[in-house]
């Protein structure tokens, strides 16, 4: 089963630049082999009440304020709970 991971970019407040979103995307690509089939999708900012940092959505779960150096731990936490 393909898991879709959404990574926000194009922040309305410019708090989260596109360059950081690309870093997060690239970091996910480093670890996708470890968790199975994943489709990485860049999306427009979904923030409704001000930016709280990059938002990642995996299986309907939202993770807010994510940095590239937290991706390995995020994947471990998310997929470790599912097993």
Protein backbone atom coordinates (compact mmCIF):
# COMPACT_ATOMS: atom_id res chain seq x y z
CA UNK A 1 0.00 0.00 0.00
CA UNK A 2 1.33 3.40 -1.01
CA UNK A 3 1.64 5.96 1.80
CA UNK A 4 1.28 9.59 0.80
CA UNK A 5 3.30 12.17 2.71
CA UNK A 6 2.35 15.81 2.21
CA UNK A 7 4.94 18.51 2.86
CA UNK A 8 3.75 22.11 2.98
CA UNK A 9 5.61 24.80 1.09
CA UNK A 10 4.95 28.28 -0.29
CA UNK A 11 4.11 29.58 3.18
CA UNK A 12 1.78 32.56 3.17
CA UNK A 13 3.73 34.27 5.96
CA UNK A 14 7.17 33.42 4.49
CA UNK A 15 8.10 31.97 7.89
CA UNK A 16 8.81 28.62 6.23
CA UNK A 17 10.69 29.16 3.02
CA UNK A 18 10.55 26.85 0.05
CA UNK A 19 14.24 26.06 0.46
CA UNK A 20 13.57 24.49 3.88
CA UNK A 21 10.66 22.51 2.41
CA UNK A 22 13.02 21.12 -0.22
CA UNK A 23 15.51 20.16 2.52
CA UNK A 24 12.70 18.28 4.30
CA UNK A 25 11.67 16.60 1.03
CA UNK A 26 15.25 15.49 0.35
CA UNK A 27 15.63 14.18 3.90
CA UNK A 28 12.46 12.10 3.48
CA UNK A 29 13.94 10.65 0.30
CA UNK A 30 16.94 9.46 2.32
CA UNK A 31 14.69 7.29 4.51
CA UNK A 32 11.78 6.19 2.33
CA UNK A 33 13.45 2.86 1.55
CA UNK A 34 13.17 1.97 5.23
CA UNK A 35 9.39 2.37 5.47
CA UNK A 36 8.08 1.00 2.17
CA UNK A 37 6.36 2.65 -0.76
CA UNK A 38 5.97 6.36 -0.18
CA UNK A 39 4.80 9.17 -2.42
CA UNK A 40 6.14 12.57 -1.38
CA UNK A 41 3.84 15.44 -2.34
CA UNK A 42 4.66 19.14 -2.00
CA UNK A 43 1.52 21.14 -1.14
CA UNK A 44 0.62 24.77 -0.65
CA UNK A 45 0.51 26.16 2.86
CA UNK A 46 -2.59 25.08 4.78
CA UNK A 47 -2.09 27.36 7.80
CA UNK A 48 -5.29 29.12 8.79
CA UNK A 49 -4.14 31.19 11.78
CA UNK A 50 -0.51 32.03 11.18
CA UNK A 51 2.41 29.79 10.42
CA UNK A 52 3.62 27.40 13.11
CA UNK A 53 6.38 25.88 11.00
CA UNK A 54 6.49 23.24 8.28
CA UNK A 55 3.53 20.88 8.42
CA UNK A 56 3.85 17.25 7.39
CA UNK A 57 0.85 14.98 6.91
CA UNK A 58 1.23 11.19 7.02
CA UNK A 59 -1.86 8.95 7.09
CA UNK A 60 -4.15 11.79 8.21
CA UNK A 61 -1.75 12.63 11.10
CA UNK A 62 -0.41 16.19 11.14
CA UNK A 63 3.04 17.04 12.44
CA UNK A 64 3.71 20.76 12.83
CA UNK A 65 6.98 22.67 13.11
CA UNK A 66 9.09 19.92 11.56
CA UNK A 67 12.72 20.53 10.59
CA UNK A 68 14.81 18.42 8.21
CA UNK A 69 16.93 17.00 11.04
CA UNK A 70 13.78 15.58 12.69
CA UNK A 71 12.62 13.45 9.73
CA UNK A 72 14.32 10.21 10.79
CA UNK A 73 12.76 10.40 14.26
CA UNK A 74 9.37 11.40 12.82
CA UNK A 75 9.32 8.37 10.52
CA UNK A 76 10.38 6.09 13.35
CA UNK A 77 7.65 7.45 15.64
CA UNK A 78 4.93 7.36 13.00
CA UNK A 79 5.65 3.98 11.43
CA UNK A 80 6.85 2.39 14.68
CA UNK A 81 3.38 2.97 16.17
CA UNK A 82 1.73 1.25 13.17
CA UNK A 83 3.64 -2.04 13.54
